[in-house]
Each structure stands twice: as structure tokens, then as C-alpha cells.
C-alpha atoms as a PDB file:
ATOM      1  CA  MET A   1     -11.787   2.633   4.959  1.00  0.00           C
ATOM      2  CA  TRP A   2     -13.915   4.397   2.377  1.00  0.00           C
ATOM      3  CA  ILE A   3     -15.971   2.218   0.033  1.00  0.00           C
ATOM      4  CA  CYS A   4     -16.891   3.613  -3.379  1.00  0.00           C
ATOM      5  CA  PRO A   5     -20.694   3.545  -3.692  1.00  0.00           C
ATOM      6  CA  LEU A   6     -20.443   2.769  -7.430  1.00  0.00           C
ATOM      7  CA  CYS A   7     -17.939  -0.080  -7.593  1.00  0.00           C
ATOM      8  CA  SER A   8     -17.559  -1.177  -3.925  1.00  0.00           C
ATOM      9  CA  GLN A   9     -13.744  -0.883  -3.956  1.00  0.00           C
ATOM     10  CA  GLU A  10     -12.178  -0.041  -0.585  1.00  0.00           C
ATOM     11  CA  PHE A  11      -9.750   2.855  -0.172  1.00  0.00           C
ATOM     12  CA  VAL A  12      -7.816   4.423   2.676  1.00  0.00           C
ATOM     13  CA  ASN A  13      -8.717   7.937   1.464  1.00  0.00           C
ATOM     14  CA  THR A  14     -12.280   9.212   1.269  1.00  0.00           C
ATOM     15  CA  ASN A  15     -13.413   9.932  -2.311  1.00  0.00           C
ATOM     16  CA  GLN A  16     -10.223   8.379  -3.707  1.00  0.00           C
ATOM     17  CA  VAL A  17      -9.858   8.999  -7.450  1.00  0.00           C
ATOM     18  CA  HIS A  18     -10.029   5.675  -9.290  1.00  0.00           C
ATOM     19  CA  SER A  19     -11.362   4.049 -12.450  1.00  0.00           C
ATOM     20  CA  CYS A  20     -14.437   2.370 -10.927  1.00  0.00           C
ATOM     21  CA  ARG A  21     -13.537  -0.934 -12.489  1.00  0.00           C
ATOM     22  CA  ASP A  22     -13.521   0.130 -16.116  1.00  0.00           C
ATOM     23  CA  LYS A  23     -11.874  -3.259 -16.685  1.00  0.00           C
ATOM     24  CA  ASP A  24     -12.058  -6.582 -14.962  1.00  0.00           C
ATOM     25  CA  LEU A  25      -9.499  -9.352 -14.656  1.00  0.00           C
ATOM     26  CA  ALA A  26     -10.834 -11.190 -17.700  1.00  0.00           C
ATOM     27  CA  ASP A  27     -10.074  -8.120 -19.859  1.00  0.00           C
ATOM     28  CA  PHE A  28      -6.396  -8.423 -18.956  1.00  0.00           C
ATOM     29  CA  LEU A  29      -6.199 -12.202 -19.378  1.00  0.00           C
ATOM     30  CA  ASN A  30      -8.232 -12.427 -22.577  1.00  0.00           C
ATOM     31  CA  GLY A  31      -6.043 -13.511 -25.500  1.00  0.00           C
ATOM     32  CA  LYS A  32      -2.976 -14.174 -23.335  1.00  0.00           C
ATOM     33  CA  THR A  33      -0.947 -17.340 -23.739  1.00  0.00           C
ATOM     34  CA  GLN A  34      -1.460 -20.170 -21.296  1.00  0.00           C
ATOM     35  CA  HIS A  35       2.138 -19.620 -20.176  1.00  0.00           C
ATOM     36  CA  THR A  36       1.396 -15.991 -19.220  1.00  0.00           C
ATOM     37  CA  ILE A  37      -1.828 -16.954 -17.451  1.00  0.00           C
ATOM     38  CA  ASP A  38       0.074 -19.622 -15.501  1.00  0.00           C
ATOM     39  CA  LEU A  39       2.706 -17.027 -14.499  1.00  0.00           C
ATOM     40  CA  PHE A  40      -0.039 -14.634 -13.384  1.00  0.00           C
ATOM     41  CA  ASP A  41      -1.766 -17.354 -11.335  1.00  0.00           C
ATOM     42  CA  HIS A  42       1.556 -18.359  -9.766  1.00  0.00           C
ATOM     43  CA  LEU A  43       2.310 -14.745  -8.770  1.00  0.00           C
ATOM     44  CA  VAL A  44      -1.132 -14.347  -7.194  1.00  0.00           C
ATOM     45  CA  ASN A  45      -0.772 -17.656  -5.327  1.00  0.00           C
ATOM     46  CA  GLU A  46       2.672 -16.672  -4.028  1.00  0.00           C
ATOM     47  CA  TYR A  47       1.190 -13.435  -2.671  1.00  0.00           C
ATOM     48  CA  LYS A  48      -1.678 -15.330  -1.052  1.00  0.00           C
ATOM     49  CA  GLN A  49       0.939 -17.345   0.864  1.00  0.00           C
ATOM     50  CA  ILE A  50       2.322 -14.080   2.259  1.00  0.00           C
ATOM     51  CA  GLY A  51      -1.019 -12.654   3.331  1.00  0.00           C
ATOM     52  CA  ASN A  52      -4.550 -11.648   2.457  1.00  0.00           C
ATOM     53  CA  VAL A  53      -4.445  -9.787  -0.864  1.00  0.00           C
ATOM     54  CA  ARG A  54      -7.052  -8.314  -3.164  1.00  0.00           C
ATOM     55  CA  LEU A  55      -6.668  -7.656  -6.879  1.00  0.00           C
ATOM     56  CA  HIS A  56      -7.894  -4.376  -8.356  1.00  0.00           C
ATOM     57  CA  PRO A  57      -7.996  -4.222 -12.156  1.00  0.00           C
ATOM     58  CA  ALA A  58      -7.821  -0.649 -13.459  1.00  0.00           C
ATOM     59  CA  LYS A  59      -7.482   0.963 -16.884  1.00  0.00           C
ATOM     60  CA  SER A  60      -3.839   0.066 -17.448  1.00  0.00           C
ATOM     61  CA  MET A  61      -2.751  -2.240 -14.635  1.00  0.00           C
ATOM     62  CA  ILE A  62      -3.749  -4.749 -11.971  1.00  0.00           C
ATOM     63  CA  SER A  63      -3.014  -3.666  -8.406  1.00  0.00           C
ATOM     64  CA  PHE A  64      -2.326  -5.879  -5.416  1.00  0.00           C
ATOM     65  CA  ALA A  65      -3.779  -4.491  -2.198  1.00  0.00           C
ATOM     66  CA  ALA A  66      -3.945  -5.283   1.488  1.00  0.00           C
ATOM     67  CA  ARG A  67      -5.076  -2.155   3.357  1.00  0.00           C
ATOM     68  CA  LYS A  68      -3.681  -0.109   0.455  1.00  0.00           C
ATOM     69  CA  ARG A  69      -2.157  -0.912  -2.925  1.00  0.00           C
ATOM     70  CA  PHE A  70       1.431  -2.118  -2.762  1.00  0.00           C
ATOM     71  CA  ALA A  71       2.376  -3.744  -6.103  1.00  0.00           C
ATOM     72  CA  TYR A  72       1.246  -3.449  -9.700  1.00  0.00           C
ATOM     73  CA  ILE A  73       1.167  -5.760 -12.701  1.00  0.00           C
ATOM     74  CA  ILE A  74       1.836  -3.331 -15.521  1.00  0.00           C
ATOM     75  CA  GLN A  75       2.084  -5.779 -18.418  1.00  0.00           C
ATOM     76  CA  LEU A  76       1.048  -9.303 -19.273  1.00  0.00           C
ATOM     77  CA  GLY A  77       3.260 -10.101 -22.249  1.00  0.00           C
ATOM     78  CA  LYS A  78       3.372 -13.069 -24.581  1.00  0.00           C
ATOM     79  CA  ASN A  79       5.701 -14.978 -22.268  1.00  0.00           C
ATOM     80  CA  PHE A  80       6.226 -12.741 -19.230  1.00  0.00           C
ATOM     81  CA  VAL A  81       4.587 -10.701 -16.472  1.00  0.00           C
ATOM     82  CA  ASP A  82       5.921  -7.259 -15.513  1.00  0.00           C
ATOM     83  CA  VAL A  83       5.468  -6.196 -11.892  1.00  0.00           C
ATOM     84  CA  VAL A  84       6.322  -2.888 -10.208  1.00  0.00           C
ATOM     85  CA  PHE A  85       7.024  -2.595  -6.484  1.00  0.00           C
ATOM     86  CA  PRO A  86       7.057   0.990  -5.134  1.00  0.00           C
ATOM     87  CA  PHE A  87       9.420   1.349  -2.190  1.00  0.00           C
ATOM     88  CA  LYS A  88      10.503   4.372  -0.127  1.00  0.00           C
ATOM     89  CA  GLN A  89      14.143   3.560  -0.839  1.00  0.00           C
ATOM     90  CA  ALA A  90      16.063   2.238  -3.816  1.00  0.00           C
ATOM     91  CA  TYR A  91      17.179  -1.359  -3.257  1.00  0.00           C
ATOM     92  CA  GLU A  92      20.161  -1.207  -5.606  1.00  0.00           C
ATOM     93  CA  ASP A  93      21.938  -4.336  -4.317  1.00  0.00           C
ATOM     94  CA  ASN A  94      19.724  -7.049  -5.839  1.00  0.00           C
ATOM     95  CA  LEU A  95      19.624  -9.602  -8.623  1.00  0.00           C
ATOM     96  CA  CYS A  96      15.921  -9.436  -9.439  1.00  0.00           C
ATOM     97  CA  PHE A  97      15.016  -5.902 -10.536  1.00  0.00           C
ATOM     98  CA  ASN A  98      15.781  -4.905 -14.120  1.00  0.00           C
ATOM     99  CA  LYS A  99      15.085  -1.204 -13.486  1.00  0.00           C
ATOM    100  CA  ILE A 100      14.800   1.100 -10.461  1.00  0.00           C
ATOM    101  CA  LYS A 101      13.492   4.613 -11.073  1.00  0.00           C
ATOM    102  CA  PRO A 102      12.415   7.453  -8.761  1.00  0.00           C
ATOM    103  CA  VAL A 103       8.735   8.363  -9.063  1.00  0.00           C
ATOM    104  CA  PRO A 104       8.422  12.041 -10.059  1.00  0.00           C
ATOM    105  CA  GLY A 105       6.707  14.126  -7.370  1.00  0.00           C
ATOM    106  CA  SER A 106       7.049  11.361  -4.792  1.00  0.00           C
ATOM    107  CA  ASP A 107       9.618   9.890  -2.440  1.00  0.00           C
ATOM    108  CA  ASP A 108       9.000   6.414  -3.906  1.00  0.00           C
ATOM    109  CA  TYR A 109      11.239   4.334  -6.135  1.00  0.00           C
ATOM    110  CA  ASN A 110       9.611   1.966  -8.607  1.00  0.00           C
ATOM    111  CA  HIS A 111      11.365  -1.393  -8.760  1.00  0.00           C
ATOM    112  CA  HIS A 112      10.601  -3.283 -11.984  1.00  0.00           C
ATOM    113  CA  PHE A 113      10.585  -7.081 -12.016  1.00  0.00           C
ATOM    114  CA  ARG A 114       9.994  -9.202 -15.127  1.00  0.00           C
ATOM    115  CA  MET A 115       8.906 -12.795 -14.548  1.00  0.00           C
ATOM    116  CA  TYR A 116       9.508 -15.311 -17.366  1.00  0.00           C
ATOM    117  CA  PHE A 117       9.286 -18.533 -15.355  1.00  0.00           C
ATOM    118  CA  LYS A 118       7.613 -19.587 -12.109  1.00  0.00           C
ATOM    119  CA  ASP A 119      11.085 -20.192 -10.673  1.00  0.00           C
ATOM    120  CA  ASP A 120      11.847 -16.484 -11.091  1.00  0.00           C
ATOM    121  CA  ILE A 121       9.957 -15.981  -7.834  1.00  0.00           C
ATOM    122  CA  ASN A 122      12.901 -17.103  -5.730  1.00  0.00           C
ATOM    123  CA  ASP A 123      13.775 -16.307  -2.110  1.00  0.00           C
ATOM    124  CA  GLU A 124      15.076 -12.841  -2.999  1.00  0.00           C
ATOM    125  CA  VAL A 125      11.906 -11.905  -4.899  1.00  0.00           C
ATOM    126  CA  LYS A 126       9.743 -13.320  -2.092  1.00  0.00           C
ATOM    127  CA  MET A 127      11.619 -11.093   0.378  1.00  0.00           C
ATOM    128  CA  TYR A 128      10.781  -7.976  -1.678  1.00  0.00           C
ATOM    129  CA  MET A 129       7.196  -9.183  -2.186  1.00  0.00           C
ATOM    130  CA  LYS A 130       6.865  -9.421   1.588  1.00  0.00           C
ATOM    131  CA  ILE A 131       8.360  -5.945   2.111  1.00  0.00           C
ATOM    132  CA  ALA A 132       5.860  -4.542  -0.405  1.00  0.00           C
ATOM    133  CA  TYR A 133       2.973  -6.419   1.241  1.00  0.00           C
ATOM    134  CA  GLU A 134       3.909  -5.089   4.672  1.00  0.00           C
ATOM    135  CA  SER A 135       3.950  -1.531   3.297  1.00  0.00           C
ATOM    136  CA  GLY A 136       0.382  -2.118   2.141  1.00  0.00           C
ATOM    137  CA  CYS A 137      -0.848  -3.270   5.542  1.00  0.00           C
END
């Protein structure tokens, strides 16, 4: 693992391009509703039950990482949290993703999940969370 000498983030690739923590977690949570903050905390806690995760705030998103980044919070809305899971295949047969799109220039497919309630993290979502986590290990 390479550790950035400026921000101490760990990366698989040496000299990995990154934002050197231009933002921190508080920047994303500042001004959000208590409902959204509770959803965010619930998502993080659910991932901590799967395994050891780190959060990496960047310019426009918050990444979940194990050995490498495996899921991304792309929006904290007024009453929801949007999460993207990049997978090597499109999991079309599901009830949880509202959009699945190929990533240009990559063999990944971004799977978009919008969480409105804590109960939205059901067994199906937990299965995909675990698949994403394992891809990051």
C-alpha cells in the first residue's frame, strides 16, 4: 500500500491521483437533515457489520474502502442517500437498484441505490453490499 505523504490516505497504486482530503466528512453532513444523517450513520454501521471499512471524503463523494474503494455515496439529499456500487457485471435481476449503467472506458457497471429509510437496507441490499466489500478486499 502507498500512503500519501500529504494526507496519509492509503492506496493500492503508488502516487495515486486523489484530492488529498479537500473535504472532510463534516463538509458533507453540514446542513443535512437529521433524517439524512441517520440514514448515513445506518449505512456506515451496516458496512461495519460486514467488515473493516474506511471512509474517504473527496471533492464530490464519500468512498467506502477496504484495501481499495468499493462503494460511493454520491449524494446526501434532503431525505435520502444515493450510493453507487461498481461491479464487473450488470446485476439486472434485482429489486434494489434504480439504475445500472456501464462506466465509459471501463468494464465496470455502476449500480445506483437510493436509500429513503433504514429498512431499505434489506437482505438483498446487504448481499450486494457484501459483494462490493469483497471486491474491495
